[in-house]
């Protein structure tokens, strides 16, 4: 669909790569586990969960990844240090895939990066995220850790348009003393993944997608985000799906595909239960992008790609 003039960075995550010109590499689909009210979790504070059910969910995502050629990661969410340690221990004992360290509490995220370093898995951990409200303690934890990858959030509370998103990444803006990429660099982050900060429909959703093009055109960095959050926050849909439950899934999954068409390199697609829906849809868009890329003098560079695995 596009060929950017600026050189596009490609970051190696061991099993796959993220970035490049649209169509060169498969979109990475990242499902979330242990999120709020996740039915497999019986005690979020103490990290008690159904390990057999968790393993089935993870294996389903890996199977969909292998079938379609779209890469994947696991987004681990924890409510406490104890839960974070237990969830990371479970995952790294089960799989050698990359994973995101996430929590609603900054002190738990800080603990997560320290713990990943302590047990020797920092090379495949991704901090989520460096953002305008990050605490000094969390920044220090990332800086002192061995992690070199992080989600960098382009959320500007004072200017929610595309211009504001780009400014918060590159300079002091939105109340932040420095640009988010400068913070990331100071923390030793050499594989930043830009998140365009999904906004609800009617409240800046267009900039969420336009910023994908801007990031790749101006910065040449891998870009993506939790695009499904924009659909989930759509007030009209919240009411409509109460009587028309079947209407939500196409909107939820489709929110990611729009981003794919405009250059997104990864999707934080939400609950990992949605893997059977998102992967075939992501593969379809990646095939379209690959075919378009060929017309622009590019080619698929990924070892695994939907163009190779599904056609």
C-alpha atoms as a PDB file:
ATOM      1  CA  UNK A   1       0.000   0.000   0.000  1.00  0.00           C
ATOM      2  CA  UNK A   2       2.921   2.327   0.817  1.00  0.00           C
ATOM      3  CA  UNK A   3       6.643   2.540   0.308  1.00  0.00           C
ATOM      4  CA  UNK A   4       8.183   5.014   2.705  1.00  0.00           C
ATOM      5  CA  UNK A   5      11.151   7.119   1.614  1.00  0.00           C
ATOM      6  CA  UNK A   6      12.683   6.919   5.072  1.00  0.00           C
ATOM      7  CA  UNK A   7      14.689   3.841   5.976  1.00  0.00           C
ATOM      8  CA  UNK A   8      12.498   1.522   8.042  1.00  0.00           C
ATOM      9  CA  UNK A   9      13.999  -0.061  11.151  1.00  0.00           C
ATOM     10  CA  UNK A  10      13.635  -3.807  11.623  1.00  0.00           C
ATOM     11  CA  UNK A  11      14.014  -5.278  15.105  1.00  0.00           C
ATOM     12  CA  UNK A  12      14.924  -8.890  15.727  1.00  0.00           C
ATOM     13  CA  UNK A  13      12.940 -10.727  18.405  1.00  0.00           C
ATOM     14  CA  UNK A  14      14.642 -14.078  17.938  1.00  0.00           C
ATOM     15  CA  UNK A  15      11.826 -16.059  16.383  1.00  0.00           C
ATOM     16  CA  UNK A  16      10.763 -13.237  14.067  1.00  0.00           C
ATOM     17  CA  UNK A  17      11.342  -9.620  13.105  1.00  0.00           C
ATOM     18  CA  UNK A  18       9.100  -6.577  13.403  1.00  0.00           C
ATOM     19  CA  UNK A  19       9.191  -3.463  11.231  1.00  0.00           C
ATOM     20  CA  UNK A  20      10.340  -2.730   7.711  1.00  0.00           C
ATOM     21  CA  UNK A  21       8.373  -1.513   4.744  1.00  0.00           C
ATOM     22  CA  UNK A  22       4.711  -2.605   4.681  1.00  0.00           C
ATOM     23  CA  UNK A  23       4.554  -6.091   3.203  1.00  0.00           C
ATOM     24  CA  UNK A  24       8.115  -7.160   4.006  1.00  0.00           C
ATOM     25  CA  UNK A  25       7.369  -8.762   7.385  1.00  0.00           C
ATOM     26  CA  UNK A  26       4.256 -10.344   8.854  1.00  0.00           C
ATOM     27  CA  UNK A  27       2.226  -8.394  11.393  1.00  0.00           C
ATOM     28  CA  UNK A  28       2.833  -9.549  14.968  1.00  0.00           C
ATOM     29  CA  UNK A  29      -0.359 -10.372  16.886  1.00  0.00           C
ATOM     30  CA  UNK A  30      -0.072  -9.963  20.659  1.00  0.00           C
ATOM     31  CA  UNK A  31      -2.774 -11.466  22.863  1.00  0.00           C
ATOM     32  CA  UNK A  32      -3.358 -10.550  26.502  1.00  0.00           C
ATOM     33  CA  UNK A  33      -3.486 -12.965  29.437  1.00  0.00           C
ATOM     34  CA  UNK A  34      -4.381 -12.472  33.107  1.00  0.00           C
ATOM     35  CA  UNK A  35      -6.251  -9.244  32.326  1.00  0.00           C
ATOM     36  CA  UNK A  36      -8.878  -7.827  34.704  1.00  0.00           C
ATOM     37  CA  UNK A  37     -11.666 -10.349  35.319  1.00  0.00           C
ATOM     38  CA  UNK A  38      -9.974 -12.965  33.151  1.00  0.00           C
ATOM     39  CA  UNK A  39     -11.954 -16.104  33.916  1.00  0.00           C
ATOM     40  CA  UNK A  40      -8.833 -18.274  34.215  1.00  0.00           C
ATOM     41  CA  UNK A  41      -7.642 -16.149  37.169  1.00  0.00           C
ATOM     42  CA  UNK A  42      -9.075 -17.050  40.592  1.00  0.00           C
ATOM     43  CA  UNK A  43      -6.915 -14.732  42.713  1.00  0.00           C
ATOM     44  CA  UNK A  44      -5.357 -11.794  40.856  1.00  0.00           C
ATOM     45  CA  UNK A  45      -3.553 -10.426  43.909  1.00  0.00           C
ATOM     46  CA  UNK A  46      -1.723 -13.673  44.634  1.00  0.00           C
ATOM     47  CA  UNK A  47      -1.333 -14.814  41.038  1.00  0.00           C
ATOM     48  CA  UNK A  48      -3.502 -17.904  41.255  1.00  0.00           C
ATOM     49  CA  UNK A  49      -4.731 -19.071  37.864  1.00  0.00           C
ATOM     50  CA  UNK A  50      -5.732 -22.211  35.968  1.00  0.00           C
ATOM     51  CA  UNK A  51      -2.418 -23.223  34.430  1.00  0.00           C
ATOM     52  CA  UNK A  52      -3.949 -25.886  32.197  1.00  0.00           C
ATOM     53  CA  UNK A  53      -6.429 -23.375  30.753  1.00  0.00           C
ATOM     54  CA  UNK A  54      -3.677 -20.778  30.340  1.00  0.00           C
ATOM     55  CA  UNK A  55      -1.527 -23.278  28.476  1.00  0.00           C
ATOM     56  CA  UNK A  56      -4.398 -24.153  26.141  1.00  0.00           C
ATOM     57  CA  UNK A  57      -4.947 -20.499  25.345  1.00  0.00           C
ATOM     58  CA  UNK A  58      -1.267 -19.895  24.671  1.00  0.00           C
ATOM     59  CA  UNK A  59      -0.944 -23.032  22.541  1.00  0.00           C
ATOM     60  CA  UNK A  60      -3.950 -21.958  20.467  1.00  0.00           C
ATOM     61  CA  UNK A  61      -2.277 -18.627  19.714  1.00  0.00           C
ATOM     62  CA  UNK A  62       0.973 -20.372  18.752  1.00  0.00           C
ATOM     63  CA  UNK A  63      -0.961 -22.774  16.525  1.00  0.00           C
ATOM     64  CA  UNK A  64      -2.689 -19.869  14.770  1.00  0.00           C
ATOM     65  CA  UNK A  65       0.692 -18.176  14.357  1.00  0.00           C
ATOM     66  CA  UNK A  66       2.183 -21.271  12.766  1.00  0.00           C
ATOM     67  CA  UNK A  67      -0.826 -21.826  10.504  1.00  0.00           C
ATOM     68  CA  UNK A  68      -1.003 -18.260   9.188  1.00  0.00           C
ATOM     69  CA  UNK A  69       2.626 -17.142   9.345  1.00  0.00           C
ATOM     70  CA  UNK A  70       1.843 -14.161  11.562  1.00  0.00           C
ATOM     71  CA  UNK A  71       4.231 -13.878  14.505  1.00  0.00           C
ATOM     72  CA  UNK A  72       3.021 -13.547  18.092  1.00  0.00           C
ATOM     73  CA  UNK A  73       3.910 -12.507  21.626  1.00  0.00           C
ATOM     74  CA  UNK A  74       2.195 -12.823  24.996  1.00  0.00           C
ATOM     75  CA  UNK A  75       1.080  -9.744  26.921  1.00  0.00           C
ATOM     76  CA  UNK A  76       1.341 -10.645  30.601  1.00  0.00           C
ATOM     77  CA  UNK A  77      -0.741  -8.470  32.921  1.00  0.00           C
ATOM     78  CA  UNK A  78      -0.349  -8.671  36.707  1.00  0.00           C
ATOM     79  CA  UNK A  79      -1.926  -6.898  39.664  1.00  0.00           C
ATOM     80  CA  UNK A  80       0.876  -7.482  42.168  1.00  0.00           C
ATOM     81  CA  UNK A  81       4.565  -8.354  42.364  1.00  0.00           C
ATOM     82  CA  UNK A  82       3.677 -11.839  43.513  1.00  0.00           C
ATOM     83  CA  UNK A  83       1.364 -12.343  40.555  1.00  0.00           C
ATOM     84  CA  UNK A  84       3.917 -10.937  38.124  1.00  0.00           C
ATOM     85  CA  UNK A  85       6.619 -13.329  39.299  1.00  0.00           C
ATOM     86  CA  UNK A  86       4.299 -16.336  39.129  1.00  0.00           C
ATOM     87  CA  UNK A  87       2.998 -15.449  35.671  1.00  0.00           C
ATOM     88  CA  UNK A  88       6.457 -14.828  34.224  1.00  0.00           C
ATOM     89  CA  UNK A  89       7.773 -18.050  35.791  1.00  0.00           C
ATOM     90  CA  UNK A  90       4.891 -20.000  34.285  1.00  0.00           C
ATOM     91  CA  UNK A  91       5.330 -18.506  30.830  1.00  0.00           C
ATOM     92  CA  UNK A  92       9.114 -18.772  30.488  1.00  0.00           C
ATOM     93  CA  UNK A  93       8.898 -22.353  31.726  1.00  0.00           C
ATOM     94  CA  UNK A  94       6.383 -23.130  28.995  1.00  0.00           C
ATOM     95  CA  UNK A  95       7.614 -21.126  25.992  1.00  0.00           C
ATOM     96  CA  UNK A  96      10.615 -19.355  24.514  1.00  0.00           C
ATOM     97  CA  UNK A  97       8.524 -16.641  22.818  1.00  0.00           C
ATOM     98  CA  UNK A  98       8.842 -12.928  23.668  1.00  0.00           C
ATOM     99  CA  UNK A  99       6.428 -11.420  26.181  1.00  0.00           C
ATOM    100  CA  UNK A 100       5.216  -8.015  27.362  1.00  0.00           C
ATOM    101  CA  UNK A 101       5.416  -6.932  30.994  1.00  0.00           C
ATOM    102  CA  UNK A 102       2.272  -4.987  31.859  1.00  0.00           C
ATOM    103  CA  UNK A 103       0.225  -3.863  34.850  1.00  0.00           C
ATOM    104  CA  UNK A 104      -2.071  -1.036  35.867  1.00  0.00           C
ATOM    105  CA  UNK A 105       0.387  -0.366  38.714  1.00  0.00           C
ATOM    106  CA  UNK A 106       3.756   1.258  37.865  1.00  0.00           C
ATOM    107  CA  UNK A 107       5.490  -0.411  40.810  1.00  0.00           C
ATOM    108  CA  UNK A 108       4.447  -3.833  39.489  1.00  0.00           C
ATOM    109  CA  UNK A 109       5.776  -3.032  36.022  1.00  0.00           C
ATOM    110  CA  UNK A 110       9.015  -1.882  37.655  1.00  0.00           C
ATOM    111  CA  UNK A 111       9.206  -5.145  39.566  1.00  0.00           C
ATOM    112  CA  UNK A 112       8.531  -7.068  36.356  1.00  0.00           C
ATOM    113  CA  UNK A 113      11.525  -5.660  34.490  1.00  0.00           C
ATOM    114  CA  UNK A 114      13.746  -6.268  37.512  1.00  0.00           C
ATOM    115  CA  UNK A 115      12.489  -9.831  37.834  1.00  0.00           C
ATOM    116  CA  UNK A 116      12.937 -10.584  34.128  1.00  0.00           C
ATOM    117  CA  UNK A 117      16.536  -9.411  34.459  1.00  0.00           C
ATOM    118  CA  UNK A 118      17.087 -11.410  37.646  1.00  0.00           C
ATOM    119  CA  UNK A 119      15.975 -14.712  36.106  1.00  0.00           C
ATOM    120  CA  UNK A 120      17.783 -14.131  32.814  1.00  0.00           C
ATOM    121  CA  UNK A 121      14.924 -13.576  30.354  1.00  0.00           C
ATOM    122  CA  UNK A 122      15.308  -9.829  29.754  1.00  0.00           C
ATOM    123  CA  UNK A 123      16.329 -10.447  26.137  1.00  0.00           C
ATOM    124  CA  UNK A 124      12.792 -11.519  25.274  1.00  0.00           C
ATOM    125  CA  UNK A 125      10.878  -9.185  27.595  1.00  0.00           C
ATOM    126  CA  UNK A 126       9.206  -5.974  26.398  1.00  0.00           C
ATOM    127  CA  UNK A 127       8.295  -3.251  28.871  1.00  0.00           C
ATOM    128  CA  UNK A 128       4.804  -1.788  28.457  1.00  0.00           C
ATOM    129  CA  UNK A 129       5.176   1.130  28.466  1.00  0.00           C
ATOM    130  CA  UNK A 130       7.260   4.288  28.424  1.00  0.00           C
ATOM    131  CA  UNK A 131       4.662   7.041  28.562  1.00  0.00           C
ATOM    132  CA  UNK A 132       4.133  10.614  29.724  1.00  0.00           C
ATOM    133  CA  UNK A 133       2.960   9.544  33.184  1.00  0.00           C
ATOM    134  CA  UNK A 134       5.748   7.054  33.903  1.00  0.00           C
ATOM    135  CA  UNK A 135       7.237   7.444  37.387  1.00  0.00           C
ATOM    136  CA  UNK A 136      10.885   8.120  38.135  1.00  0.00           C
ATOM    137  CA  UNK A 137      11.031   4.789  39.957  1.00  0.00           C
ATOM    138  CA  UNK A 138       9.772   2.884  36.931  1.00  0.00           C
ATOM    139  CA  UNK A 139      12.171   4.706  34.603  1.00  0.00           C
ATOM    140  CA  UNK A 140      15.057   3.823  36.892  1.00  0.00           C
ATOM    141  CA  UNK A 141      13.977   0.188  37.006  1.00  0.00           C
ATOM    142  CA  UNK A 142      13.948  -0.009  33.208  1.00  0.00           C
ATOM    143  CA  UNK A 143      17.287   1.785  32.991  1.00  0.00           C
ATOM    144  CA  UNK A 144      18.927  -0.570  35.491  1.00  0.00           C
ATOM    145  CA  UNK A 145      17.426  -3.674  33.883  1.00  0.00           C
ATOM    146  CA  UNK A 146      18.808  -5.670  30.961  1.00  0.00           C
ATOM    147  CA  UNK A 147      15.738  -5.001  28.809  1.00  0.00           C
ATOM    148  CA  UNK A 148      16.347  -3.283  25.489  1.00  0.00           C
ATOM    149  CA  UNK A 149      12.782  -3.293  24.141  1.00  0.00           C
ATOM    150  CA  UNK A 150       9.722  -1.320  25.209  1.00  0.00           C
ATOM    151  CA  UNK A 151       6.391  -0.088  23.966  1.00  0.00           C
ATOM    152  CA  UNK A 152       6.637   3.711  23.637  1.00  0.00           C
ATOM    153  CA  UNK A 153       3.220   5.309  23.979  1.00  0.00           C
ATOM    154  CA  UNK A 154       2.303   8.332  21.849  1.00  0.00           C
ATOM    155  CA  UNK A 155      -0.412   9.615  24.188  1.00  0.00           C
ATOM    156  CA  UNK A 156      -0.531  13.386  24.541  1.00  0.00           C
ATOM    157  CA  UNK A 157      -3.243  14.479  26.976  1.00  0.00           C
ATOM    158  CA  UNK A 158      -3.005  18.102  25.817  1.00  0.00           C
ATOM    159  CA  UNK A 159      -3.082  17.511  22.058  1.00  0.00           C
ATOM    160  CA  UNK A 160      -4.736  14.269  20.985  1.00  0.00           C
ATOM    161  CA  UNK A 161      -4.354  14.728  17.225  1.00  0.00           C
ATOM    162  CA  UNK A 162      -1.602  13.316  15.042  1.00  0.00           C
ATOM    163  CA  UNK A 163       0.555  16.393  15.634  1.00  0.00           C
ATOM    164  CA  UNK A 164       0.325  15.908  19.387  1.00  0.00           C
ATOM    165  CA  UNK A 165       1.190  12.224  19.129  1.00  0.00           C
ATOM    166  CA  UNK A 166       4.307  12.963  17.120  1.00  0.00           C
ATOM    167  CA  UNK A 167       5.347  15.774  19.451  1.00  0.00           C
ATOM    168  CA  UNK A 168       5.090  13.667  22.601  1.00  0.00           C
ATOM    169  CA  UNK A 169       7.432  11.147  20.989  1.00  0.00           C
ATOM    170  CA  UNK A 170      10.105  13.595  19.912  1.00  0.00           C
ATOM    171  CA  UNK A 171      10.165  16.568  22.306  1.00  0.00           C
ATOM    172  CA  UNK A 172       8.944  17.982  25.601  1.00  0.00           C
ATOM    173  CA  UNK A 173       5.177  18.107  25.191  1.00  0.00           C
ATOM    174  CA  UNK A 174       1.957  17.131  26.896  1.00  0.00           C
ATOM    175  CA  UNK A 175       3.400  17.924  30.295  1.00  0.00           C
ATOM    176  CA  UNK A 176       6.452  15.691  29.815  1.00  0.00           C
ATOM    177  CA  UNK A 177       9.928  17.165  30.272  1.00  0.00           C
ATOM    178  CA  UNK A 178      11.348  15.170  27.347  1.00  0.00           C
ATOM    179  CA  UNK A 179      10.124  13.262  24.342  1.00  0.00           C
ATOM    180  CA  UNK A 180       9.228   9.641  25.004  1.00  0.00           C
ATOM    181  CA  UNK A 181      11.913   8.405  22.624  1.00  0.00           C
ATOM    182  CA  UNK A 182      14.546  10.343  24.552  1.00  0.00           C
ATOM    183  CA  UNK A 183      13.393   8.695  27.778  1.00  0.00           C
ATOM    184  CA  UNK A 184      13.554   5.335  26.018  1.00  0.00           C
ATOM    185  CA  UNK A 185      17.085   5.980  24.780  1.00  0.00           C
ATOM    186  CA  UNK A 186      18.234   6.991  28.257  1.00  0.00           C
ATOM    187  CA  UNK A 187      16.824   3.710  29.569  1.00  0.00           C
ATOM    188  CA  UNK A 188      18.857   1.680  27.063  1.00  0.00           C
ATOM    189  CA  UNK A 189      15.897   0.853  24.831  1.00  0.00           C
ATOM    190  CA  UNK A 190      17.281   0.057  21.382  1.00  0.00           C
ATOM    191  CA  UNK A 191      14.161  -1.743  20.091  1.00  0.00           C
ATOM    192  CA  UNK A 192      11.308   0.731  20.664  1.00  0.00           C
ATOM    193  CA  UNK A 193       7.849  -0.229  19.432  1.00  0.00           C
ATOM    194  CA  UNK A 194       5.667   2.849  18.982  1.00  0.00           C
ATOM    195  CA  UNK A 195       2.056   2.617  20.193  1.00  0.00           C
ATOM    196  CA  UNK A 196      -0.155   5.316  18.664  1.00  0.00           C
ATOM    197  CA  UNK A 197      -2.482   5.319  21.718  1.00  0.00           C
ATOM    198  CA  UNK A 198      -5.900   4.242  20.471  1.00  0.00           C
ATOM    199  CA  UNK A 199      -8.684   6.752  21.108  1.00  0.00           C
ATOM    200  CA  UNK A 200     -12.449   6.126  21.080  1.00  0.00           C
ATOM    201  CA  UNK A 201     -14.523   6.761  17.997  1.00  0.00           C
ATOM    202  CA  UNK A 202     -15.620  10.379  18.078  1.00  0.00           C
ATOM    203  CA  UNK A 203     -12.723  11.373  20.334  1.00  0.00           C
ATOM    204  CA  UNK A 204      -9.666  11.163  18.104  1.00  0.00           C
ATOM    205  CA  UNK A 205      -9.795   7.679  16.590  1.00  0.00           C
ATOM    206  CA  UNK A 206      -8.736   9.011  13.199  1.00  0.00           C
ATOM    207  CA  UNK A 207      -5.435  10.286  14.583  1.00  0.00           C
ATOM    208  CA  UNK A 208      -4.749   6.818  15.990  1.00  0.00           C
ATOM    209  CA  UNK A 209      -4.486   5.509  12.439  1.00  0.00           C
ATOM    210  CA  UNK A 210      -3.025   8.573  10.744  1.00  0.00           C
ATOM    211  CA  UNK A 211      -0.218   8.490  13.292  1.00  0.00           C
ATOM    212  CA  UNK A 212       0.778   5.020  12.052  1.00  0.00           C
ATOM    213  CA  UNK A 213       1.692   6.563   8.705  1.00  0.00           C
ATOM    214  CA  UNK A 214       3.369   9.549  10.361  1.00  0.00           C
ATOM    215  CA  UNK A 215       5.539   7.401  12.637  1.00  0.00           C
ATOM    216  CA  UNK A 216       6.838   5.282   9.786  1.00  0.00           C
ATOM    217  CA  UNK A 217       7.260   8.249   7.451  1.00  0.00           C
ATOM    218  CA  UNK A 218       9.020  10.538   9.936  1.00  0.00           C
ATOM    219  CA  UNK A 219      10.724   8.143  12.366  1.00  0.00           C
ATOM    220  CA  UNK A 220      11.019   4.862  10.462  1.00  0.00           C
ATOM    221  CA  UNK A 221      10.140   2.865  13.575  1.00  0.00           C
ATOM    222  CA  UNK A 222       7.852  -0.156  14.026  1.00  0.00           C
ATOM    223  CA  UNK A 223       4.378   1.005  14.988  1.00  0.00           C
ATOM    224  CA  UNK A 224       1.190  -0.558  16.281  1.00  0.00           C
ATOM    225  CA  UNK A 225      -1.148  -0.359  19.240  1.00  0.00           C
ATOM    226  CA  UNK A 226      -4.203  -1.585  21.062  1.00  0.00           C
ATOM    227  CA  UNK A 227      -6.572  -0.542  18.308  1.00  0.00           C
ATOM    228  CA  UNK A 228      -9.387  -2.682  19.701  1.00  0.00           C
ATOM    229  CA  UNK A 229      -9.584  -0.272  22.655  1.00  0.00           C
ATOM    230  CA  UNK A 230     -11.038   2.352  20.358  1.00  0.00           C
ATOM    231  CA  UNK A 231     -13.821  -0.019  19.353  1.00  0.00           C
ATOM    232  CA  UNK A 232     -14.418  -1.153  22.937  1.00  0.00           C
ATOM    233  CA  UNK A 233     -14.839   2.451  24.070  1.00  0.00           C
ATOM    234  CA  UNK A 234     -17.400   3.296  21.368  1.00  0.00           C
ATOM    235  CA  UNK A 235     -20.458   4.286  23.431  1.00  0.00           C
ATOM    236  CA  UNK A 236     -22.970   3.489  20.705  1.00  0.00           C
ATOM    237  CA  UNK A 237     -21.536  -0.005  20.236  1.00  0.00           C
ATOM    238  CA  UNK A 238     -21.646  -0.640  23.989  1.00  0.00           C
ATOM    239  CA  UNK A 239     -25.407  -0.166  23.849  1.00  0.00           C
ATOM    240  CA  UNK A 240     -25.954  -1.861  20.485  1.00  0.00           C
ATOM    241  CA  UNK A 241     -24.144  -5.081  21.354  1.00  0.00           C
ATOM    242  CA  UNK A 242     -26.427  -5.679  24.327  1.00  0.00           C
ATOM    243  CA  UNK A 243     -29.123  -6.613  21.854  1.00  0.00           C
ATOM    244  CA  UNK A 244     -26.844  -7.530  18.928  1.00  0.00           C
ATOM    245  CA  UNK A 245     -23.901  -9.403  20.430  1.00  0.00           C
ATOM    246  CA  UNK A 246     -22.780 -10.668  17.022  1.00  0.00           C
ATOM    247  CA  UNK A 247     -22.098  -7.103  15.850  1.00  0.00           C
ATOM    248  CA  UNK A 248     -19.119  -6.530  18.130  1.00  0.00           C
ATOM    249  CA  UNK A 249     -16.554  -9.065  16.898  1.00  0.00           C
ATOM    250  CA  UNK A 250     -16.295  -7.684  13.333  1.00  0.00           C
ATOM    251  CA  UNK A 251     -15.803  -4.191  14.765  1.00  0.00           C
ATOM    252  CA  UNK A 252     -13.297  -5.395  17.362  1.00  0.00           C
ATOM    253  CA  UNK A 253     -11.200  -7.363  14.870  1.00  0.00           C
ATOM    254  CA  UNK A 254     -11.705  -4.833  12.091  1.00  0.00           C
ATOM    255  CA  UNK A 255     -10.222  -2.032  14.178  1.00  0.00           C
ATOM    256  CA  UNK A 256      -6.861  -3.793  13.873  1.00  0.00           C
ATOM    257  CA  UNK A 257      -7.143  -4.396  10.147  1.00  0.00           C
ATOM    258  CA  UNK A 258      -7.582  -0.716   9.376  1.00  0.00           C
ATOM    259  CA  UNK A 259      -4.269  -0.138  11.148  1.00  0.00           C
ATOM    260  CA  UNK A 260      -2.651  -2.909   9.145  1.00  0.00           C
ATOM    261  CA  UNK A 261      -3.638  -1.295   5.888  1.00  0.00           C
ATOM    262  CA  UNK A 262      -1.999   1.989   6.925  1.00  0.00           C
ATOM    263  CA  UNK A 263       1.257   0.330   7.951  1.00  0.00           C
ATOM    264  CA  UNK A 264       0.943  -1.078  11.491  1.00  0.00           C
ATOM    265  CA  UNK A 265       3.572  -3.691  12.320  1.00  0.00           C
ATOM    266  CA  UNK A 266       1.876  -5.198  15.379  1.00  0.00           C
ATOM    267  CA  UNK A 267      -1.546  -5.483  16.992  1.00  0.00           C
ATOM    268  CA  UNK A 268      -2.192  -5.560  20.734  1.00  0.00           C
ATOM    269  CA  UNK A 269      -5.440  -7.290  19.919  1.00  0.00           C
ATOM    270  CA  UNK A 270      -6.802  -7.823  23.423  1.00  0.00           C
ATOM    271  CA  UNK A 271      -7.980 -11.076  25.052  1.00  0.00           C
ATOM    272  CA  UNK A 272      -5.962 -14.051  23.836  1.00  0.00           C
ATOM    273  CA  UNK A 273      -9.260 -15.906  23.403  1.00  0.00           C
ATOM    274  CA  UNK A 274      -9.653 -13.905  20.168  1.00  0.00           C
ATOM    275  CA  UNK A 275      -6.645 -15.560  18.512  1.00  0.00           C
ATOM    276  CA  UNK A 276      -8.743 -17.771  16.181  1.00  0.00           C
ATOM    277  CA  UNK A 277     -10.414 -14.632  14.805  1.00  0.00           C
ATOM    278  CA  UNK A 278      -7.551 -12.162  14.556  1.00  0.00           C
ATOM    279  CA  UNK A 279      -4.873 -14.328  12.947  1.00  0.00           C
ATOM    280  CA  UNK A 280      -6.727 -15.240   9.712  1.00  0.00           C
ATOM    281  CA  UNK A 281      -7.858 -11.624   9.384  1.00  0.00           C
ATOM    282  CA  UNK A 282      -4.314 -10.345   9.932  1.00  0.00           C
ATOM    283  CA  UNK A 283      -3.035 -12.856   7.384  1.00  0.00           C
ATOM    284  CA  UNK A 284      -5.510 -11.596   4.786  1.00  0.00           C
ATOM    285  CA  UNK A 285      -4.309  -8.002   5.189  1.00  0.00           C
ATOM    286  CA  UNK A 286      -0.657  -9.080   5.121  1.00  0.00           C
ATOM    287  CA  UNK A 287      -1.168 -10.877   1.814  1.00  0.00           C
ATOM    288  CA  UNK A 288      -2.737  -7.738   0.356  1.00  0.00           C
ATOM    289  CA  UNK A 289       0.179  -5.649   1.633  1.00  0.00           C
ATOM    290  CA  UNK A 290       2.721  -8.106   0.237  1.00  0.00           C
ATOM    291  CA  UNK A 291       1.110  -8.100  -3.193  1.00  0.00           C
ATOM    292  CA  UNK A 292       1.004  -4.318  -3.173  1.00  0.00           C
ATOM    293  CA  UNK A 293       4.633  -4.166  -2.051  1.00  0.00           C
ATOM    294  CA  UNK A 294       5.699  -6.184  -5.090  1.00  0.00           C
ATOM    295  CA  UNK A 295       4.248  -3.494  -7.335  1.00  0.00           C
ATOM    296  CA  UNK A 296       6.458  -1.006  -5.485  1.00  0.00           C
ATOM    297  CA  UNK A 297       9.640  -3.012  -6.024  1.00  0.00           C
ATOM    298  CA  UNK A 298       9.656  -4.698  -2.606  1.00  0.00           C
ATOM    299  CA  UNK A 299       9.422  -8.339  -1.576  1.00  0.00           C
ATOM    300  CA  UNK A 300       8.534 -10.455   1.426  1.00  0.00           C
ATOM    301  CA  UNK A 301      11.643 -10.787   3.587  1.00  0.00           C
ATOM    302  CA  UNK A 302      10.160 -12.756   6.495  1.00  0.00           C
ATOM    303  CA  UNK A 303      10.945 -16.444   6.679  1.00  0.00           C
ATOM    304  CA  UNK A 304       7.346 -17.017   7.786  1.00  0.00           C
ATOM    305  CA  UNK A 305       4.655 -14.907   6.177  1.00  0.00           C
ATOM    306  CA  UNK A 306       0.998 -15.486   5.190  1.00  0.00           C
ATOM    307  CA  UNK A 307       1.983 -15.035   1.546  1.00  0.00           C
ATOM    308  CA  UNK A 308       4.117 -18.183   1.931  1.00  0.00           C
ATOM    309  CA  UNK A 309       2.097 -20.231   4.422  1.00  0.00           C
ATOM    310  CA  UNK A 310      -1.479 -19.770   3.218  1.00  0.00           C
ATOM    311  CA  UNK A 311      -1.161 -19.550  -0.561  1.00  0.00           C
END
